[in-house]
Amino acid sequence: MHTRSLQLFVAFPLLLATCCAGCGARTAAKTYAVSSGGTTWTVVTADPIPGIDHGVVSVITLKAGSVNSVNVVIWSDIEGGQQSSGSSSIGGAEDKGTHRGKGKRVDYSCSMANGERTTVRIEDTIFDPAKGHFFLVSTQGNRIEVKQMDLGVVDFPSDADAIRAFAASHSEVAEFFTKAKRATSESPSPKP
């Protein structure tokens, strides 16, 4: 009998400690949200570079679950505007949008499901977000070209001058749009 009470005496505090530790634990709050903002600009120059001297930038923030939010930047060379709509509910957040103007259009969607999977689609192409959340889009010529990059997008600028300064300080951005313009300028004109 003495042995049995000693086992209970040792086991009871361990059981009590385990239960109390579990009772005091809190689960992380889950938030489902989407925010989207855009900037459109046009700078009048003698020889404008689409994407640098005029363009549209959309910055989308997705949050789904208890993980950190994900920012996505979509920067196109369209001279026009942008439109988007976002929704969130338990389980996910999504933003769908369009850049359009002067007969050109680029559609995109970004979604996050349960904080585990982010999907970015531009036109009919789905991109792997592990390769970056920064997208440059050229609409020069008769095609749409997208370049995905792994650049910091946490505090992306929201005014035109700062965006143009960003392009000046990131040579790969300026090179992408300059190359797209040059390719269009050098391509032969269709014969009548």
N, C-alpha and C. Protein backbone atom coordinates (compact mmCIF):
# COMPACT_ATOMS: atom_id res chain seq x y z
N MET A 1 0.81 -1.19 0.00
CA MET A 1 0.00 0.00 0.00
C MET A 1 0.86 1.25 0.00
N HIS A 2 1.92 1.23 0.71
CA HIS A 2 2.83 2.35 0.80
C HIS A 2 3.43 2.67 -0.57
N THR A 3 3.75 1.66 -1.39
CA THR A 3 4.31 1.85 -2.72
C THR A 3 3.30 2.49 -3.65
N ARG A 4 2.06 2.06 -3.54
CA ARG A 4 1.02 2.60 -4.41
C ARG A 4 0.79 4.08 -4.13
N SER A 5 0.75 4.52 -2.94
CA SER A 5 0.53 5.92 -2.62
C SER A 5 1.72 6.76 -3.04
N LEU A 6 2.93 6.19 -3.05
CA LEU A 6 4.10 6.93 -3.50
C LEU A 6 4.01 7.15 -5.01
N GLN A 7 3.56 6.15 -5.77
CA GLN A 7 3.41 6.30 -7.21
C GLN A 7 2.37 7.37 -7.53
N LEU A 8 1.26 7.35 -6.81
CA LEU A 8 0.22 8.35 -7.01
C LEU A 8 0.73 9.73 -6.61
N PHE A 9 1.52 9.79 -5.55
CA PHE A 9 2.09 11.04 -5.07
C PHE A 9 3.01 11.66 -6.11
N VAL A 10 3.78 10.86 -6.84
CA VAL A 10 4.69 11.35 -7.88
C VAL A 10 3.93 11.63 -9.17
N ALA A 11 3.01 10.76 -9.55
CA ALA A 11 2.30 10.89 -10.82
C ALA A 11 1.33 12.07 -10.82
N PHE A 12 0.65 12.33 -9.70
CA PHE A 12 -0.35 13.39 -9.65
C PHE A 12 0.25 14.78 -9.95
N PRO A 13 1.38 15.19 -9.36
CA PRO A 13 1.95 16.49 -9.71
C PRO A 13 2.36 16.60 -11.17
N LEU A 14 2.86 15.50 -11.78
CA LEU A 14 3.22 15.54 -13.20
C LEU A 14 1.98 15.72 -14.07
N LEU A 15 0.91 15.01 -13.72
CA LEU A 15 -0.34 15.15 -14.45
C LEU A 15 -0.90 16.56 -14.31
N LEU A 16 -0.87 17.11 -13.10
CA LEU A 16 -1.35 18.46 -12.84
C LEU A 16 -0.53 19.49 -13.61
N ALA A 17 0.79 19.34 -13.63
CA ALA A 17 1.66 20.27 -14.34
C ALA A 17 1.40 20.23 -15.84
N THR A 18 1.18 19.05 -16.39
CA THR A 18 0.89 18.91 -17.82
C THR A 18 -0.43 19.57 -18.17
N CYS A 19 -1.45 19.35 -17.37
CA CYS A 19 -2.76 19.95 -17.64
C CYS A 19 -2.71 21.46 -17.53
N CYS A 20 -2.05 21.97 -16.53
CA CYS A 20 -1.98 23.42 -16.34
C CYS A 20 -1.21 24.09 -17.46
N ALA A 21 -0.14 23.45 -17.94
CA ALA A 21 0.64 24.02 -19.03
C ALA A 21 -0.22 24.12 -20.29
N GLY A 22 -1.02 23.11 -20.56
CA GLY A 22 -1.90 23.13 -21.73
C GLY A 22 -3.01 24.13 -21.59
N CYS A 23 -3.53 24.30 -20.38
CA CYS A 23 -4.65 25.21 -20.18
C CYS A 23 -4.25 26.66 -20.37
N GLY A 24 -3.01 26.98 -20.04
CA GLY A 24 -2.56 28.36 -20.14
C GLY A 24 -2.11 28.74 -21.54
N ALA A 25 -1.94 27.77 -22.42
CA ALA A 25 -1.46 28.06 -23.76
C ALA A 25 -2.56 28.75 -24.57
N ARG A 26 -2.15 29.72 -25.35
CA ARG A 26 -3.08 30.42 -26.23
C ARG A 26 -2.73 30.10 -27.67
N THR A 27 -3.71 30.01 -28.48
CA THR A 27 -3.44 29.81 -29.90
C THR A 27 -3.24 31.18 -30.54
N ALA A 28 -2.40 31.20 -31.58
CA ALA A 28 -2.13 32.46 -32.27
C ALA A 28 -3.40 32.93 -32.97
N ALA A 29 -3.64 34.22 -32.91
CA ALA A 29 -4.81 34.79 -33.57
C ALA A 29 -4.64 34.65 -35.08
N LYS A 30 -5.72 34.34 -35.75
CA LYS A 30 -5.68 34.21 -37.20
C LYS A 30 -6.38 35.41 -37.82
N THR A 31 -5.69 36.04 -38.76
CA THR A 31 -6.23 37.20 -39.44
C THR A 31 -6.29 36.91 -40.93
N TYR A 32 -7.38 37.29 -41.55
CA TYR A 32 -7.55 37.13 -42.98
C TYR A 32 -7.85 38.51 -43.55
N ALA A 33 -6.93 39.01 -44.39
CA ALA A 33 -7.10 40.37 -44.89
C ALA A 33 -6.37 40.53 -46.22
N VAL A 34 -6.81 41.52 -46.97
CA VAL A 34 -6.15 41.89 -48.20
C VAL A 34 -6.21 43.42 -48.33
N SER A 35 -5.11 44.00 -48.77
CA SER A 35 -5.14 45.43 -49.08
C SER A 35 -4.39 45.62 -50.39
N SER A 36 -4.82 46.59 -51.14
CA SER A 36 -4.24 46.82 -52.44
C SER A 36 -4.21 48.32 -52.72
N GLY A 37 -3.12 48.78 -53.26
CA GLY A 37 -3.00 50.18 -53.62
C GLY A 37 -2.26 50.29 -54.93
N GLY A 38 -2.45 51.38 -55.62
CA GLY A 38 -1.80 51.53 -56.91
C GLY A 38 -1.35 52.94 -57.17
N THR A 39 -0.36 53.04 -58.04
CA THR A 39 0.16 54.33 -58.47
C THR A 39 0.26 54.33 -59.98
N THR A 40 -0.20 55.39 -60.59
CA THR A 40 -0.13 55.57 -62.03
C THR A 40 0.58 56.89 -62.30
N TRP A 41 1.46 56.92 -63.28
CA TRP A 41 2.17 58.16 -63.57
C TRP A 41 2.47 58.28 -65.06
N THR A 42 2.63 59.52 -65.49
CA THR A 42 3.06 59.83 -66.85
C THR A 42 3.97 61.04 -66.76
N VAL A 43 5.16 60.91 -67.32
CA VAL A 43 6.11 62.01 -67.39
C VAL A 43 6.31 62.30 -68.87
N VAL A 44 6.12 63.54 -69.25
CA VAL A 44 6.25 63.92 -70.66
C VAL A 44 7.73 64.12 -70.98
N THR A 45 8.24 63.29 -71.89
CA THR A 45 9.62 63.39 -72.35
C THR A 45 9.62 63.21 -73.86
N ALA A 46 10.73 63.60 -74.51
CA ALA A 46 10.83 63.49 -75.96
C ALA A 46 10.84 62.03 -76.41
N ASP A 47 11.47 61.16 -75.66
CA ASP A 47 11.58 59.75 -76.03
C ASP A 47 11.27 58.89 -74.81
N PRO A 48 9.98 58.76 -74.44
CA PRO A 48 9.62 58.06 -73.20
C PRO A 48 9.93 56.56 -73.25
N ILE A 49 10.31 56.06 -72.09
CA ILE A 49 10.51 54.62 -71.92
C ILE A 49 9.31 54.09 -71.15
N PRO A 50 8.46 53.30 -71.81
CA PRO A 50 7.30 52.73 -71.11
C PRO A 50 7.74 51.90 -69.90
N GLY A 51 7.11 52.12 -68.77
CA GLY A 51 7.48 51.46 -67.54
C GLY A 51 8.32 52.34 -66.64
N ILE A 52 9.04 53.28 -67.26
CA ILE A 52 9.85 54.23 -66.49
C ILE A 52 9.19 55.60 -66.52
N ASP A 53 8.87 56.09 -67.71
CA ASP A 53 8.28 57.42 -67.85
C ASP A 53 6.75 57.40 -67.76
N HIS A 54 6.17 56.26 -67.91
CA HIS A 54 4.75 56.08 -67.61
C HIS A 54 4.54 54.62 -67.24
N GLY A 55 3.57 54.39 -66.36
CA GLY A 55 3.31 53.02 -65.94
C GLY A 55 2.30 52.95 -64.82
N VAL A 56 2.10 51.73 -64.36
CA VAL A 56 1.17 51.44 -63.27
C VAL A 56 1.87 50.46 -62.33
N VAL A 57 1.78 50.73 -61.03
CA VAL A 57 2.29 49.80 -60.03
C VAL A 57 1.17 49.48 -59.06
N SER A 58 0.96 48.18 -58.83
CA SER A 58 0.02 47.72 -57.81
C SER A 58 0.82 47.04 -56.71
N VAL A 59 0.50 47.39 -55.47
CA VAL A 59 1.12 46.74 -54.31
C VAL A 59 0.00 46.06 -53.54
N ILE A 60 0.10 44.73 -53.44
CA ILE A 60 -0.94 43.93 -52.81
C ILE A 60 -0.37 43.28 -51.55
N THR A 61 -1.10 43.37 -50.45
CA THR A 61 -0.71 42.71 -49.21
C THR A 61 -1.77 41.67 -48.86
N LEU A 62 -1.33 40.43 -48.68
CA LEU A 62 -2.23 39.33 -48.34
C LEU A 62 -1.88 38.79 -46.96
N LYS A 63 -2.89 38.48 -46.17
CA LYS A 63 -2.67 37.83 -44.88
C LYS A 63 -3.77 36.80 -44.70
N ALA A 64 -3.35 35.56 -44.44
CA ALA A 64 -4.33 34.48 -44.27
C ALA A 64 -3.82 33.52 -43.20
N GLY A 65 -4.33 33.66 -42.02
CA GLY A 65 -3.92 32.79 -40.93
C GLY A 65 -3.04 33.51 -39.94
N SER A 66 -2.19 32.75 -39.28
CA SER A 66 -1.37 33.31 -38.23
C SER A 66 0.05 33.63 -38.70
N VAL A 67 0.33 33.47 -39.98
CA VAL A 67 1.66 33.77 -40.51
C VAL A 67 1.76 35.25 -40.87
N ASN A 68 2.98 35.68 -41.18
CA ASN A 68 3.18 37.06 -41.60
C ASN A 68 2.49 37.31 -42.93
N SER A 69 2.24 38.57 -43.21
CA SER A 69 1.62 38.92 -44.48
C SER A 69 2.64 38.80 -45.61
N VAL A 70 2.13 38.73 -46.82
CA VAL A 70 2.95 38.65 -48.02
C VAL A 70 2.62 39.85 -48.89
N ASN A 71 3.66 40.56 -49.34
CA ASN A 71 3.47 41.68 -50.25
C ASN A 71 3.84 41.25 -51.66
N VAL A 72 3.05 41.69 -52.63
CA VAL A 72 3.30 41.41 -54.04
C VAL A 72 3.28 42.75 -54.77
N VAL A 73 4.28 42.97 -55.64
CA VAL A 73 4.33 44.18 -56.46
C VAL A 73 4.22 43.78 -57.92
N ILE A 74 3.28 44.40 -58.63
CA ILE A 74 3.12 44.19 -60.07
C ILE A 74 3.27 45.55 -60.74
N TRP A 75 4.30 45.68 -61.58
CA TRP A 75 4.69 46.95 -62.21
C TRP A 75 4.61 46.79 -63.71
N SER A 76 3.69 47.49 -64.35
CA SER A 76 3.55 47.38 -65.80
C SER A 76 3.90 48.70 -66.49
N ASP A 77 4.11 48.58 -67.80
CA ASP A 77 4.46 49.75 -68.61
C ASP A 77 3.24 50.39 -69.26
N ILE A 78 2.05 50.04 -68.79
CA ILE A 78 0.82 50.56 -69.38
C ILE A 78 0.62 52.02 -68.97
N GLU A 79 0.25 52.82 -69.94
CA GLU A 79 -0.09 54.22 -69.66
C GLU A 79 -1.60 54.27 -69.50
N GLY A 80 -2.05 54.26 -68.28
CA GLY A 80 -3.48 54.21 -68.01
C GLY A 80 -3.75 54.17 -66.53
N GLY A 81 -4.43 53.14 -66.09
CA GLY A 81 -4.80 53.06 -64.69
C GLY A 81 -4.90 51.62 -64.23
N GLN A 82 -5.35 51.46 -62.99
CA GLN A 82 -5.50 50.14 -62.43
C GLN A 82 -6.79 50.04 -61.67
N GLN A 83 -7.27 48.83 -61.56
CA GLN A 83 -8.51 48.54 -60.85
C GLN A 83 -8.30 47.20 -60.17
N SER A 84 -8.76 47.09 -58.92
CA SER A 84 -8.64 45.80 -58.24
C SER A 84 -9.76 45.63 -57.22
N SER A 85 -9.99 44.38 -56.86
CA SER A 85 -10.95 44.09 -55.80
C SER A 85 -10.39 42.93 -54.99
N GLY A 86 -10.51 43.05 -53.69
CA GLY A 86 -9.98 42.02 -52.81
C GLY A 86 -11.07 41.44 -51.94
N SER A 87 -10.82 40.23 -51.48
CA SER A 87 -11.75 39.59 -50.55
C SER A 87 -10.95 38.70 -49.62
N SER A 88 -11.49 38.53 -48.42
CA SER A 88 -10.86 37.62 -47.47
C SER A 88 -11.95 36.95 -46.65
N SER A 89 -11.65 35.75 -46.23
CA SER A 89 -12.56 34.98 -45.38
C SER A 89 -11.72 33.95 -44.65
N ILE A 90 -12.34 33.24 -43.75
CA ILE A 90 -11.59 32.21 -43.04
C ILE A 90 -11.03 31.24 -44.07
N GLY A 91 -9.76 31.11 -44.05
CA GLY A 91 -9.11 30.20 -44.98
C GLY A 91 -8.33 30.88 -46.08
N GLY A 92 -8.58 32.17 -46.35
CA GLY A 92 -7.81 32.76 -47.42
C GLY A 92 -8.06 34.22 -47.69
N ALA A 93 -7.21 34.78 -48.54
CA ALA A 93 -7.32 36.17 -48.98
C ALA A 93 -6.95 36.21 -50.46
N GLU A 94 -7.63 37.08 -51.21
CA GLU A 94 -7.40 37.15 -52.66
C GLU A 94 -7.60 38.57 -53.16
N ASP A 95 -6.79 38.94 -54.17
CA ASP A 95 -6.96 40.22 -54.85
C ASP A 95 -6.89 39.94 -56.34
N LYS A 96 -7.84 40.51 -57.08
CA LYS A 96 -7.86 40.40 -58.54
C LYS A 96 -7.82 41.80 -59.10
N GLY A 97 -7.01 42.01 -60.13
CA GLY A 97 -6.91 43.35 -60.67
C GLY A 97 -6.54 43.39 -62.14
N THR A 98 -6.55 44.62 -62.65
CA THR A 98 -6.26 44.88 -64.05
C THR A 98 -5.48 46.17 -64.17
N HIS A 99 -4.47 46.17 -65.01
CA HIS A 99 -3.82 47.40 -65.47
C HIS A 99 -4.29 47.57 -66.90
N ARG A 100 -4.79 48.78 -67.24
CA ARG A 100 -5.24 48.96 -68.62
C ARG A 100 -5.20 50.42 -69.03
N GLY A 101 -5.04 50.59 -70.34
CA GLY A 101 -5.03 51.93 -70.92
C GLY A 101 -4.51 51.88 -72.33
N LYS A 102 -4.99 52.76 -73.16
CA LYS A 102 -4.56 52.90 -74.56
C LYS A 102 -4.57 51.57 -75.31
N GLY A 103 -5.65 50.80 -75.12
CA GLY A 103 -5.81 49.56 -75.85
C GLY A 103 -5.03 48.37 -75.31
N LYS A 104 -4.36 48.53 -74.18
CA LYS A 104 -3.59 47.43 -73.59
C LYS A 104 -4.21 47.04 -72.26
N ARG A 105 -4.00 45.77 -71.90
CA ARG A 105 -4.60 45.28 -70.66
C ARG A 105 -3.77 44.12 -70.11
N VAL A 106 -3.59 44.12 -68.79
CA VAL A 106 -2.93 43.01 -68.09
C VAL A 106 -3.79 42.66 -66.89
N ASP A 107 -4.22 41.40 -66.80
CA ASP A 107 -5.01 40.92 -65.67
C ASP A 107 -4.11 40.13 -64.73
N TYR A 108 -4.39 40.24 -63.44
CA TYR A 108 -3.62 39.48 -62.45
C TYR A 108 -4.51 39.06 -61.29
N SER A 109 -4.04 38.07 -60.55
CA SER A 109 -4.67 37.70 -59.29
C SER A 109 -3.59 37.19 -58.35
N CYS A 110 -3.79 37.46 -57.07
CA CYS A 110 -2.88 37.01 -56.02
C CYS A 110 -3.75 36.42 -54.93
N SER A 111 -3.35 35.27 -54.41
CA SER A 111 -4.14 34.67 -53.34
C SER A 111 -3.22 33.97 -52.35
N MET A 112 -3.74 33.85 -51.12
CA MET A 112 -3.04 33.12 -50.07
C MET A 112 -4.08 32.26 -49.37
N ALA A 113 -3.78 30.99 -49.23
CA ALA A 113 -4.70 30.06 -48.57
C ALA A 113 -4.11 29.58 -47.25
N ASN A 114 -4.79 29.87 -46.17
CA ASN A 114 -4.39 29.43 -44.83
C ASN A 114 -2.95 29.75 -44.47
N GLY A 115 -2.40 30.79 -45.05
CA GLY A 115 -1.05 31.18 -44.72
C GLY A 115 0.02 30.22 -45.20
N GLU A 116 -0.38 29.22 -45.95
CA GLU A 116 0.56 28.19 -46.37
C GLU A 116 0.97 28.31 -47.83
N ARG A 117 0.06 28.79 -48.66
CA ARG A 117 0.32 28.76 -50.09
C ARG A 117 -0.07 30.10 -50.71
N THR A 118 0.88 30.73 -51.36
CA THR A 118 0.61 31.97 -52.08
C THR A 118 0.66 31.67 -53.57
N THR A 119 -0.30 32.21 -54.31
CA THR A 119 -0.34 32.02 -55.75
C THR A 119 -0.41 33.38 -56.41
N VAL A 120 0.41 33.57 -57.45
CA VAL A 120 0.36 34.80 -58.25
C VAL A 120 0.16 34.38 -59.70
N ARG A 121 -0.87 34.94 -60.32
CA ARG A 121 -1.16 34.68 -61.72
C ARG A 121 -1.17 36.00 -62.46
N ILE A 122 -0.43 36.07 -63.55
CA ILE A 122 -0.46 37.24 -64.43
C ILE A 122 -0.82 36.71 -65.81
N GLU A 123 -1.92 37.23 -66.34
CA GLU A 123 -2.51 36.68 -67.56
C GLU A 123 -2.76 35.19 -67.33
N ASP A 124 -2.22 34.31 -68.16
CA ASP A 124 -2.50 32.89 -68.00
C ASP A 124 -1.36 32.12 -67.35
N THR A 125 -0.39 32.83 -66.81
CA THR A 125 0.78 32.17 -66.22
C THR A 125 0.73 32.24 -64.70
N ILE A 126 0.94 31.09 -64.06
CA ILE A 126 1.01 31.03 -62.59
C ILE A 126 2.49 31.00 -62.23
N PHE A 127 2.88 31.87 -61.29
CA PHE A 127 4.28 32.01 -60.90
C PHE A 127 4.53 31.38 -59.53
N ASP A 128 5.73 30.87 -59.36
CA ASP A 128 6.15 30.28 -58.10
C ASP A 128 6.63 31.40 -57.17
N PRO A 129 5.89 31.69 -56.09
CA PRO A 129 6.28 32.80 -55.22
C PRO A 129 7.61 32.58 -54.50
N ALA A 130 8.12 31.36 -54.48
CA ALA A 130 9.42 31.11 -53.87
C ALA A 130 10.53 31.83 -54.65
N LYS A 131 10.25 32.20 -55.89
CA LYS A 131 11.23 32.90 -56.73
C LYS A 131 11.12 34.41 -56.62
N GLY A 132 10.20 34.91 -55.82
CA GLY A 132 10.06 36.34 -55.62
C GLY A 132 8.63 36.82 -55.77
N HIS A 133 8.37 37.98 -55.18
CA HIS A 133 7.03 38.59 -55.19
C HIS A 133 7.02 39.92 -55.95
N PHE A 134 8.00 40.14 -56.80
CA PHE A 134 8.15 41.39 -57.54
C PHE A 134 8.08 41.05 -59.03
N PHE A 135 7.12 41.68 -59.75
CA PHE A 135 6.88 41.34 -61.14
C PHE A 135 6.90 42.58 -62.02
N LEU A 136 7.70 42.53 -63.07
CA LEU A 136 7.72 43.57 -64.09
C LEU A 136 6.96 43.04 -65.30
N VAL A 137 6.12 43.88 -65.90
CA VAL A 137 5.29 43.44 -67.03
C VAL A 137 5.45 44.43 -68.18
N SER A 138 5.89 43.92 -69.32
CA SER A 138 5.99 44.72 -70.54
C SER A 138 4.87 44.32 -71.49
N THR A 139 4.25 45.32 -72.08
CA THR A 139 3.20 45.07 -73.07
C THR A 139 3.62 45.59 -74.44
N GLN A 140 4.92 45.79 -74.64
CA GLN A 140 5.41 46.33 -75.90
C GLN A 140 5.26 45.30 -77.01
N GLY A 141 4.99 45.79 -78.20
CA GLY A 141 4.78 44.89 -79.33
C GLY A 141 3.43 44.21 -79.19
N ASN A 142 3.34 43.03 -79.69
CA ASN A 142 2.08 42.28 -79.64
C ASN A 142 2.10 41.17 -78.60
N ARG A 143 2.91 41.33 -77.56
CA ARG A 143 3.00 40.27 -76.55
C ARG A 143 3.16 40.87 -75.16
N ILE A 144 2.92 40.03 -74.18
CA ILE A 144 3.12 40.42 -72.79
C ILE A 144 4.30 39.60 -72.26
N GLU A 145 5.27 40.29 -71.71
CA GLU A 145 6.44 39.65 -71.13
C GLU A 145 6.48 39.97 -69.64
N VAL A 146 6.71 38.96 -68.81
CA VAL A 146 6.75 39.13 -67.37
C VAL A 146 8.11 38.69 -66.85
N LYS A 147 8.69 39.49 -65.99
CA LYS A 147 9.94 39.12 -65.32
C LYS A 147 9.67 39.08 -63.83
N GLN A 148 9.93 37.93 -63.22
CA GLN A 148 9.74 37.75 -61.78
C GLN A 148 11.10 37.95 -61.11
N MET A 149 11.07 38.72 -60.01
CA MET A 149 12.32 39.02 -59.31
C MET A 149 12.14 38.86 -57.80
N ASP A 150 13.26 38.64 -57.14
CA ASP A 150 13.25 38.52 -55.68
C ASP A 150 13.84 39.80 -55.10
N LEU A 151 13.05 40.86 -55.13
CA LEU A 151 13.46 42.14 -54.56
C LEU A 151 12.61 42.43 -53.32
N GLY A 152 13.16 43.16 -52.38
CA GLY A 152 12.40 43.52 -51.19
C GLY A 152 11.18 44.35 -51.54
N VAL A 153 10.03 43.93 -51.07
CA VAL A 153 8.80 44.65 -51.40
C VAL A 153 8.03 45.06 -50.15
N VAL A 154 8.68 45.04 -48.99
CA VAL A 154 7.98 45.36 -47.75
C VAL A 154 7.57 46.82 -47.69
N ASP A 155 8.48 47.72 -47.98
CA ASP A 155 8.19 49.15 -47.93
C ASP A 155 8.31 49.77 -49.31
N PHE A 156 7.58 49.23 -50.26
CA PHE A 156 7.68 49.73 -51.63
C PHE A 156 7.09 51.13 -51.71
N PRO A 157 7.73 52.04 -52.44
CA PRO A 157 7.24 53.42 -52.51
C PRO A 157 5.86 53.52 -53.16
N SER A 158 5.13 54.57 -52.79
CA SER A 158 3.77 54.72 -53.31
C SER A 158 3.58 55.98 -54.14
N ASP A 159 4.63 56.76 -54.35
CA ASP A 159 4.45 57.94 -55.21
C ASP A 159 5.35 57.81 -56.44
N ALA A 160 4.95 58.47 -57.51
CA ALA A 160 5.59 58.32 -58.80
C ALA A 160 7.08 58.65 -58.78
N ASP A 161 7.46 59.74 -58.14
CA ASP A 161 8.88 60.11 -58.11
C ASP A 161 9.71 59.06 -57.40
N ALA A 162 9.20 58.52 -56.30
CA ALA A 162 9.94 57.49 -55.56
C ALA A 162 10.01 56.18 -56.37
N ILE A 163 8.97 55.88 -57.11
CA ILE A 163 8.97 54.67 -57.94
C ILE A 163 10.01 54.82 -59.05
N ARG A 164 10.05 55.98 -59.69
CA ARG A 164 11.05 56.21 -60.74
C ARG A 164 12.46 56.18 -60.17
N ALA A 165 12.63 56.69 -58.94
CA ALA A 165 13.94 56.63 -58.26
C ALA A 165 14.31 55.17 -57.97
N PHE A 166 13.31 54.36 -57.60
CA PHE A 166 13.53 52.93 -57.37
C PHE A 166 14.07 52.28 -58.64
N ALA A 167 13.48 52.61 -59.78
CA ALA A 167 13.95 52.05 -61.06
C ALA A 167 15.38 52.49 -61.35
N ALA A 168 15.70 53.75 -61.04
CA ALA A 168 17.04 54.26 -61.28
C ALA A 168 18.07 53.56 -60.39
N SER A 169 17.66 53.16 -59.19
CA SER A 169 18.61 52.53 -58.26
C SER A 169 18.63 51.00 -58.39
N HIS A 170 17.78 50.44 -59.21
CA HIS A 170 17.75 49.00 -59.46
C HIS A 170 17.91 48.79 -60.97
N SER A 171 19.14 48.61 -61.40
CA SER A 171 19.43 48.56 -62.84
C SER A 171 18.63 47.49 -63.59
N GLU A 172 18.31 46.35 -62.92
CA GLU A 172 17.57 45.31 -63.62
C GLU A 172 16.15 45.75 -63.99
N VAL A 173 15.58 46.68 -63.22
CA VAL A 173 14.25 47.21 -63.54
C VAL A 173 14.35 48.09 -64.78
N ALA A 174 15.29 49.05 -64.75
CA ALA A 174 15.47 49.95 -65.90
C ALA A 174 15.85 49.16 -67.15
N GLU A 175 16.71 48.17 -67.02
CA GLU A 175 17.13 47.37 -68.17
C GLU A 175 15.96 46.60 -68.79
N PHE A 176 15.08 46.06 -67.96
CA PHE A 176 13.94 45.30 -68.47
C PHE A 176 13.07 46.18 -69.38
N PHE A 177 12.69 47.36 -68.89
CA PHE A 177 11.81 48.22 -69.68
C PHE A 177 12.54 48.84 -70.87
N THR A 178 13.82 49.18 -70.72
CA THR A 178 14.59 49.74 -71.83
C THR A 178 14.75 48.70 -72.94
N LYS A 179 15.04 47.46 -72.56
CA LYS A 179 15.20 46.38 -73.54
C LYS A 179 13.88 46.13 -74.28
N ALA A 180 12.76 46.15 -73.56
CA ALA A 180 11.45 45.93 -74.20
C ALA A 180 11.16 47.02 -75.22
N LYS A 181 11.48 48.26 -74.89
CA LYS A 181 11.24 49.37 -75.82
C LYS A 181 12.15 49.24 -77.03
N ARG A 182 13.42 48.92 -76.78
CA ARG A 182 14.39 48.79 -77.87
C ARG A 182 13.97 47.67 -78.82
N ALA A 183 13.50 46.54 -78.29
CA ALA A 183 13.08 45.42 -79.13
C ALA A 183 11.91 45.81 -80.03
N THR A 184 10.99 46.62 -79.49
CA THR A 184 9.84 47.08 -80.27
C THR A 184 10.28 48.08 -81.33
N SER A 185 11.20 48.97 -80.96
CA SER A 185 11.67 49.99 -81.92
C SER A 185 12.46 49.38 -83.06
N GLU A 186 13.20 48.30 -82.78
CA GLU A 186 14.05 47.68 -83.79
C GLU A 186 13.31 46.66 -84.65
N SER A 187 12.14 46.22 -84.24
CA SER A 187 11.43 45.21 -85.02
C SER A 187 10.91 45.86 -86.30
N PRO A 188 10.99 45.12 -87.40
CA PRO A 188 10.53 45.70 -88.68
C PRO A 188 9.03 45.94 -88.67
N SER A 189 8.64 46.98 -89.35
CA SER A 189 7.22 47.29 -89.49
C SER A 189 6.58 46.33 -90.47
N PRO A 190 5.32 45.98 -90.23
CA PRO A 190 4.64 45.11 -91.19
C PRO A 190 4.50 45.80 -92.54
N LYS A 191 4.65 45.01 -93.62
CA LYS A 191 4.53 45.59 -94.96
C LYS A 191 3.07 45.72 -95.33
N PRO A 192 2.74 46.85 -96.01
CA PRO A 192 1.32 47.04 -96.39
C PRO A 192 0.87 46.10 -97.46
